[in-house]
Every structure is written in C-alpha cells, then in structure tokens.
Amino acid sequence: MNGFNLDRGVLLIAAFVILTSVVLAAFVSPWWLLLTTFVGLNMLQASITGLCPAALILKRFGVRVGCAFS
C-alpha cells in the first residue's frame, strides 16, 4: 500500500466503525448509534486538541506519518 499513511488509517478506522454501528443499529438495536456518536465526538475532540487515540495506536504499529497527525 504505497499511499497508505496515518491520516488514511484514521479515516479508514472511523468510517469502518461508523458504518458498522449504523448497520447494527438498523438490524440489532438503535442503541448502537451511541457508537457512532462516540466516534463523532472523538473526531471533534481530535480536531480541537490534535490528539487522536487511533493515530497513536497506528503510529505504534509503524504506520507512516501523514500531514494531519504527526
């Protein structure tokens, strides 16, 4: 994956969790929308503070740093 970096990894994780929670909310329980809310709040917090837990985890796995999360 030549173009894969930390920024794309964070977006990939967020998108996967959001889509999964929406499907679970539709077919299992609407309470799964709380997971979508959590991801949205985490993205808001990361945009304000610059601290993203997913970015820290991906960085530990050796994913190349992008321009947004350093």
PDB file of N, CA and C in Angstrom:
ATOM      1  N   MET A   1       0.848  -1.175   0.000  1.00  0.00           N
ATOM      2  CA  MET A   1       0.000   0.000   0.000  1.00  0.00           C
ATOM      3  C   MET A   1       0.889   1.233   0.000  1.00  0.00           C
ATOM      4  N   ASN A   2       1.202   1.699  -1.142  1.00  0.00           N
ATOM      5  CA  ASN A   2       2.142   2.794  -1.291  1.00  0.00           C
ATOM      6  C   ASN A   2       1.624   4.099  -0.711  1.00  0.00           C
ATOM      7  N   GLY A   3       0.346   4.405  -0.877  1.00  0.00           N
ATOM      8  CA  GLY A   3      -0.196   5.669  -0.414  1.00  0.00           C
ATOM      9  C   GLY A   3      -0.801   5.615   0.973  1.00  0.00           C
ATOM     10  N   PHE A   4      -0.652   4.495   1.669  1.00  0.00           N
ATOM     11  CA  PHE A   4      -1.274   4.358   2.990  1.00  0.00           C
ATOM     12  C   PHE A   4      -0.426   5.070   4.034  1.00  0.00           C
ATOM     13  N   ASN A   5      -1.058   5.979   4.765  1.00  0.00           N
ATOM     14  CA  ASN A   5      -0.360   6.657   5.855  1.00  0.00           C
ATOM     15  C   ASN A   5      -1.307   6.791   7.045  1.00  0.00           C
ATOM     16  N   LEU A   6      -0.828   7.464   8.071  1.00  0.00           N
ATOM     17  CA  LEU A   6      -1.578   7.592   9.315  1.00  0.00           C
ATOM     18  C   LEU A   6      -2.922   8.285   9.108  1.00  0.00           C
ATOM     19  N   ASP A   7      -2.947   9.310   8.277  1.00  0.00           N
ATOM     20  CA  ASP A   7      -4.195  10.044   8.038  1.00  0.00           C
ATOM     21  C   ASP A   7      -5.253   9.144   7.416  1.00  0.00           C
ATOM     22  N   ARG A   8      -4.861   8.404   6.405  1.00  0.00           N
ATOM     23  CA  ARG A   8      -5.805   7.494   5.756  1.00  0.00           C
ATOM     24  C   ARG A   8      -6.230   6.373   6.700  1.00  0.00           C
ATOM     25  N   GLY A   9      -5.321   5.915   7.538  1.00  0.00           N
ATOM     26  CA  GLY A   9      -5.648   4.871   8.505  1.00  0.00           C
ATOM     27  C   GLY A   9      -6.698   5.317   9.498  1.00  0.00           C
ATOM     28  N   VAL A  10      -6.557   6.541   9.993  1.00  0.00           N
ATOM     29  CA  VAL A  10      -7.532   7.076  10.948  1.00  0.00           C
ATOM     30  C   VAL A  10      -8.900   7.207  10.280  1.00  0.00           C
ATOM     31  N   LEU A  11      -8.920   7.726   9.061  1.00  0.00           N
ATOM     32  CA  LEU A  11     -10.193   7.854   8.341  1.00  0.00           C
ATOM     33  C   LEU A  11     -10.815   6.491   8.059  1.00  0.00           C
ATOM     34  N   LEU A  12      -9.981   5.509   7.732  1.00  0.00           N
ATOM     35  CA  LEU A  12     -10.469   4.160   7.470  1.00  0.00           C
ATOM     36  C   LEU A  12     -11.104   3.550   8.715  1.00  0.00           C
ATOM     37  N   ILE A  13     -10.452   3.694   9.848  1.00  0.00           N
ATOM     38  CA  ILE A  13     -10.993   3.158  11.105  1.00  0.00           C
ATOM     39  C   ILE A  13     -12.313   3.851  11.452  1.00  0.00           C
ATOM     40  N   ALA A  14     -12.343   5.176  11.364  1.00  0.00           N
ATOM     41  CA  ALA A  14     -13.567   5.920  11.694  1.00  0.00           C
ATOM     42  C   ALA A  14     -14.717   5.512  10.780  1.00  0.00           C
ATOM     43  N   ALA A  15     -14.453   5.421   9.490  1.00  0.00           N
ATOM     44  CA  ALA A  15     -15.506   5.039   8.540  1.00  0.00           C
ATOM     45  C   ALA A  15     -16.014   3.634   8.813  1.00  0.00           C
ATOM     46  N   PHE A  16     -15.098   2.705   9.080  1.00  0.00           N
ATOM     47  CA  PHE A  16     -15.495   1.319   9.348  1.00  0.00           C
ATOM     48  C   PHE A  16     -16.373   1.232  10.605  1.00  0.00           C
ATOM     49  N   VAL A  17     -15.975   1.912  11.666  1.00  0.00           N
ATOM     50  CA  VAL A  17     -16.742   1.855  12.917  1.00  0.00           C
ATOM     51  C   VAL A  17     -18.111   2.516  12.730  1.00  0.00           C
ATOM     52  N   ILE A  18     -18.169   3.639  12.048  1.00  0.00           N
ATOM     53  CA  ILE A  18     -19.445   4.320  11.825  1.00  0.00           C
ATOM     54  C   ILE A  18     -20.387   3.463  10.987  1.00  0.00           C
ATOM     55  N   LEU A  19     -19.894   2.930   9.879  1.00  0.00           N
ATOM     56  CA  LEU A  19     -20.762   2.100   9.028  1.00  0.00           C
ATOM     57  C   LEU A  19     -21.210   0.833   9.744  1.00  0.00           C
ATOM     58  N   THR A  20     -20.321   0.228  10.519  1.00  0.00           N
ATOM     59  CA  THR A  20     -20.685  -0.964  11.284  1.00  0.00           C
ATOM     60  C   THR A  20     -21.772  -0.641  12.307  1.00  0.00           C
ATOM     61  N   SER A  21     -21.627   0.476  13.000  1.00  0.00           N
ATOM     62  CA  SER A  21     -22.630   0.815  14.015  1.00  0.00           C
ATOM     63  C   SER A  21     -23.978   1.164  13.390  1.00  0.00           C
ATOM     64  N   VAL A  22     -23.971   1.765  12.211  1.00  0.00           N
ATOM     65  CA  VAL A  22     -25.234   2.073  11.530  1.00  0.00           C
ATOM     66  C   VAL A  22     -25.947   0.785  11.114  1.00  0.00           C
ATOM     67  N   VAL A  23     -25.197  -0.174  10.589  1.00  0.00           N
ATOM     68  CA  VAL A  23     -25.794  -1.464  10.212  1.00  0.00           C
ATOM     69  C   VAL A  23     -26.334  -2.174  11.449  1.00  0.00           C
ATOM     70  N   LEU A  24     -25.559  -2.178  12.537  1.00  0.00           N
ATOM     71  CA  LEU A  24     -26.022  -2.811  13.772  1.00  0.00           C
ATOM     72  C   LEU A  24     -27.253  -2.096  14.333  1.00  0.00           C
ATOM     73  N   ALA A  25     -27.297  -0.779  14.202  1.00  0.00           N
ATOM     74  CA  ALA A  25     -28.473  -0.033  14.668  1.00  0.00           C
ATOM     75  C   ALA A  25     -29.704  -0.382  13.848  1.00  0.00           C
ATOM     76  N   ALA A  26     -29.508  -0.605  12.562  1.00  0.00           N
ATOM     77  CA  ALA A  26     -30.647  -0.920  11.695  1.00  0.00           C
ATOM     78  C   ALA A  26     -31.182  -2.328  11.936  1.00  0.00           C
ATOM     79  N   PHE A  27     -30.293  -3.267  12.230  1.00  0.00           N
ATOM     80  CA  PHE A  27     -30.717  -4.668  12.308  1.00  0.00           C
ATOM     81  C   PHE A  27     -30.723  -5.264  13.715  1.00  0.00           C
ATOM     82  N   VAL A  28     -30.058  -4.629  14.668  1.00  0.00           N
ATOM     83  CA  VAL A  28     -29.986  -5.213  16.016  1.00  0.00           C
ATOM     84  C   VAL A  28     -30.687  -4.321  17.037  1.00  0.00           C
ATOM     85  N   SER A  29     -30.139  -3.121  17.233  1.00  0.00           N
ATOM     86  CA  SER A  29     -30.706  -2.221  18.231  1.00  0.00           C
ATOM     87  C   SER A  29     -30.274  -0.785  17.924  1.00  0.00           C
ATOM     88  N   PRO A  30     -31.175   0.170  18.092  1.00  0.00           N
ATOM     89  CA  PRO A  30     -30.795   1.566  17.850  1.00  0.00           C
ATOM     90  C   PRO A  30     -29.756   2.088  18.838  1.00  0.00           C
ATOM     91  N   TRP A  31     -29.537   1.364  19.925  1.00  0.00           N
ATOM     92  CA  TRP A  31     -28.511   1.761  20.890  1.00  0.00           C
ATOM     93  C   TRP A  31     -27.114   1.767  20.284  1.00  0.00           C
ATOM     94  N   TRP A  32     -26.913   1.057  19.180  1.00  0.00           N
ATOM     95  CA  TRP A  32     -25.614   1.053  18.505  1.00  0.00           C
ATOM     96  C   TRP A  32     -25.261   2.426  17.948  1.00  0.00           C
ATOM     97  N   LEU A  33     -26.233   3.309  17.811  1.00  0.00           N
ATOM     98  CA  LEU A  33     -25.941   4.666  17.348  1.00  0.00           C
ATOM     99  C   LEU A  33     -25.098   5.442  18.357  1.00  0.00           C
ATOM    100  N   LEU A  34     -25.057   4.974  19.595  1.00  0.00           N
ATOM    101  CA  LEU A  34     -24.164   5.585  20.577  1.00  0.00           C
ATOM    102  C   LEU A  34     -22.698   5.424  20.161  1.00  0.00           C
ATOM    103  N   LEU A  35     -22.379   4.333  19.490  1.00  0.00           N
ATOM    104  CA  LEU A  35     -21.020   4.142  18.990  1.00  0.00           C
ATOM    105  C   LEU A  35     -20.702   5.172  17.903  1.00  0.00           C
ATOM    106  N   THR A  36     -21.658   5.440  17.041  1.00  0.00           N
ATOM    107  CA  THR A  36     -21.491   6.478  16.025  1.00  0.00           C
ATOM    108  C   THR A  36     -21.276   7.837  16.691  1.00  0.00           C
ATOM    109  N   THR A  37     -22.042   8.107  17.727  1.00  0.00           N
ATOM    110  CA  THR A  37     -21.895   9.350  18.478  1.00  0.00           C
ATOM    111  C   THR A  37     -20.511   9.453  19.098  1.00  0.00           C
ATOM    112  N   PHE A  38     -20.027   8.354  19.672  1.00  0.00           N
ATOM    113  CA  PHE A  38     -18.699   8.336  20.274  1.00  0.00           C
ATOM    114  C   PHE A  38     -17.622   8.662  19.242  1.00  0.00           C
ATOM    115  N   VAL A  39     -17.725   8.067  18.060  1.00  0.00           N
ATOM    116  CA  VAL A  39     -16.740   8.324  17.010  1.00  0.00           C
ATOM    117  C   VAL A  39     -16.790   9.788  16.588  1.00  0.00           C
ATOM    118  N   GLY A  40     -17.985  10.328  16.433  1.00  0.00           N
ATOM    119  CA  GLY A  40     -18.126  11.734  16.064  1.00  0.00           C
ATOM    120  C   GLY A  40     -17.539  12.666  17.111  1.00  0.00           C
ATOM    121  N   LEU A  41     -17.802  12.384  18.377  1.00  0.00           N
ATOM    122  CA  LEU A  41     -17.234  13.203  19.454  1.00  0.00           C
ATOM    123  C   LEU A  41     -15.714  13.079  19.510  1.00  0.00           C
ATOM    124  N   ASN A  42     -15.208  11.873  19.258  1.00  0.00           N
ATOM    125  CA  ASN A  42     -13.763  11.669  19.244  1.00  0.00           C
ATOM    126  C   ASN A  42     -13.119  12.445  18.099  1.00  0.00           C
ATOM    127  N   MET A  43     -13.783  12.470  16.928  1.00  0.00           N
ATOM    128  CA  MET A  43     -13.261  13.237  15.798  1.00  0.00           C
ATOM    129  C   MET A  43     -13.278  14.732  16.113  1.00  0.00           C
ATOM    130  N   LEU A  44     -14.324  15.207  16.781  1.00  0.00           N
ATOM    131  CA  LEU A  44     -14.401  16.608  17.188  1.00  0.00           C
ATOM    132  C   LEU A  44     -13.278  16.946  18.164  1.00  0.00           C
ATOM    133  N   GLN A  45     -13.084  16.085  19.152  1.00  0.00           N
ATOM    134  CA  GLN A  45     -12.024  16.292  20.139  1.00  0.00           C
ATOM    135  C   GLN A  45     -10.653  16.288  19.471  1.00  0.00           C
ATOM    136  N   ALA A  46     -10.418  15.384  18.528  1.00  0.00           N
ATOM    137  CA  ALA A  46      -9.129  15.311  17.843  1.00  0.00           C
ATOM    138  C   ALA A  46      -8.886  16.557  16.997  1.00  0.00           C
ATOM    139  N   SER A  47      -9.940  17.105  16.410  1.00  0.00           N
ATOM    140  CA  SER A  47      -9.763  18.306  15.597  1.00  0.00           C
ATOM    141  C   SER A  47      -9.417  19.524  16.451  1.00  0.00           C
ATOM    142  N   ILE A  48      -9.856  19.532  17.702  1.00  0.00           N
ATOM    143  CA  ILE A  48      -9.576  20.657  18.594  1.00  0.00           C
ATOM    144  C   ILE A  48      -8.226  20.508  19.274  1.00  0.00           C
ATOM    145  N   THR A  49      -7.936  19.298  19.780  1.00  0.00           N
ATOM    146  CA  THR A  49      -6.720  19.095  20.573  1.00  0.00           C
ATOM    147  C   THR A  49      -5.544  18.569  19.767  1.00  0.00           C
ATOM    148  N   GLY A  50      -5.820  17.947  18.624  1.00  0.00           N
ATOM    149  CA  GLY A  50      -4.743  17.338  17.839  1.00  0.00           C
ATOM    150  C   GLY A  50      -4.324  15.976  18.369  1.00  0.00           C
ATOM    151  N   LEU A  51      -5.016  15.474  19.380  1.00  0.00           N
ATOM    152  CA  LEU A  51      -4.697  14.178  19.975  1.00  0.00           C
ATOM    153  C   LEU A  51      -5.738  13.159  19.537  1.00  0.00           C
ATOM    154  N   CYS A  52      -5.286  12.129  18.822  1.00  0.00           N
ATOM    155  CA  CYS A  52      -6.199  11.108  18.319  1.00  0.00           C
ATOM    156  C   CYS A  52      -5.716   9.731  18.783  1.00  0.00           C
ATOM    157  N   PRO A  53      -6.523   9.031  19.584  1.00  0.00           N
ATOM    158  CA  PRO A  53      -6.116   7.714  20.062  1.00  0.00           C
ATOM    159  C   PRO A  53      -5.833   6.722  18.927  1.00  0.00           C
ATOM    160  N   ALA A  54      -6.635   6.753  17.874  1.00  0.00           N
ATOM    161  CA  ALA A  54      -6.408   5.840  16.748  1.00  0.00           C
ATOM    162  C   ALA A  54      -5.069   6.133  16.083  1.00  0.00           C
ATOM    163  N   ALA A  55      -4.715   7.404  15.968  1.00  0.00           N
ATOM    164  CA  ALA A  55      -3.429   7.770  15.365  1.00  0.00           C
ATOM    165  C   ALA A  55      -2.266   7.283  16.226  1.00  0.00           C
ATOM    166  N   LEU A  56      -2.420   7.377  17.541  1.00  0.00           N
ATOM    167  CA  LEU A  56      -1.360   6.898  18.434  1.00  0.00           C
ATOM    168  C   LEU A  56      -1.154   5.391  18.293  1.00  0.00           C
ATOM    169  N   ILE A  57      -2.248   4.659  18.181  1.00  0.00           N
ATOM    170  CA  ILE A  57      -2.159   3.205  18.031  1.00  0.00           C
ATOM    171  C   ILE A  57      -1.526   2.841  16.693  1.00  0.00           C
ATOM    172  N   LEU A  58      -1.971   3.486  15.624  1.00  0.00           N
ATOM    173  CA  LEU A  58      -1.404   3.192  14.304  1.00  0.00           C
ATOM    174  C   LEU A  58       0.079   3.557  14.245  1.00  0.00           C
ATOM    175  N   LYS A  59       0.447   4.638  14.905  1.00  0.00           N
ATOM    176  CA  LYS A  59       1.855   5.045  14.920  1.00  0.00           C
ATOM    177  C   LYS A  59       2.714   3.984  15.608  1.00  0.00           C
ATOM    178  N   ARG A  60       2.186   3.390  16.671  1.00  0.00           N
ATOM    179  CA  ARG A  60       2.919   2.319  17.375  1.00  0.00           C
ATOM    180  C   ARG A  60       3.118   1.091  16.502  1.00  0.00           C
ATOM    181  N   PHE A  61       2.190   0.874  15.561  1.00  0.00           N
ATOM    182  CA  PHE A  61       2.316  -0.248  14.636  1.00  0.00           C
ATOM    183  C   PHE A  61       3.228   0.088  13.465  1.00  0.00           C
ATOM    184  N   GLY A  62       3.787   1.284  13.463  1.00  0.00           N
ATOM    185  CA  GLY A  62       4.745   1.647  12.434  1.00  0.00           C
ATOM    186  C   GLY A  62       4.165   2.221  11.163  1.00  0.00           C
ATOM    187  N   VAL A  63       2.913   2.657  11.213  1.00  0.00           N
ATOM    188  CA  VAL A  63       2.301   3.255  10.026  1.00  0.00           C
ATOM    189  C   VAL A  63       2.948   4.613   9.787  1.00  0.00           C
ATOM    190  N   ARG A  64       3.259   4.895   8.547  1.00  0.00           N
ATOM    191  CA  ARG A  64       3.945   6.121   8.153  1.00  0.00           C
ATOM    192  C   ARG A  64       3.100   7.339   8.505  1.00  0.00           C
ATOM    193  N   VAL A  65       3.738   8.361   9.047  1.00  0.00           N
ATOM    194  CA  VAL A  65       3.046   9.583   9.461  1.00  0.00           C
ATOM    195  C   VAL A  65       2.604  10.371   8.238  1.00  0.00           C
ATOM    196  N   GLY A  66       1.389  10.916   8.310  1.00  0.00           N
ATOM    197  CA  GLY A  66       0.876  11.779   7.246  1.00  0.00           C
ATOM    198  C   GLY A  66       1.045  13.233   7.655  1.00  0.00           C
ATOM    199  N   CYS A  67       0.267  14.100   7.048  1.00  0.00           N
ATOM    200  CA  CYS A  67       0.429  15.523   7.355  1.00  0.00           C
ATOM    201  C   CYS A  67      -0.501  15.997   8.486  1.00  0.00           C
ATOM    202  N   ALA A  68      -1.594  15.286   8.758  1.00  0.00           N
ATOM    203  CA  ALA A  68      -2.543  15.747   9.768  1.00  0.00           C
ATOM    204  C   ALA A  68      -2.146  15.309  11.179  1.00  0.00           C
ATOM    205  N   PHE A  69      -1.729  14.066  11.314  1.00  0.00           N
ATOM    206  CA  PHE A  69      -1.369  13.538  12.645  1.00  0.00           C
ATOM    207  C   PHE A  69       0.121  13.239  12.649  1.00  0.00           C
ATOM    208  N   SER A  70       0.873  14.002  13.436  1.00  0.00           N
ATOM    209  CA  SER A  70       2.329  13.786  13.444  1.00  0.00           C
ATOM    210  C   SER A  70       2.840  13.298  14.757  1.00  0.00           C
TER     211      SER A  70
END
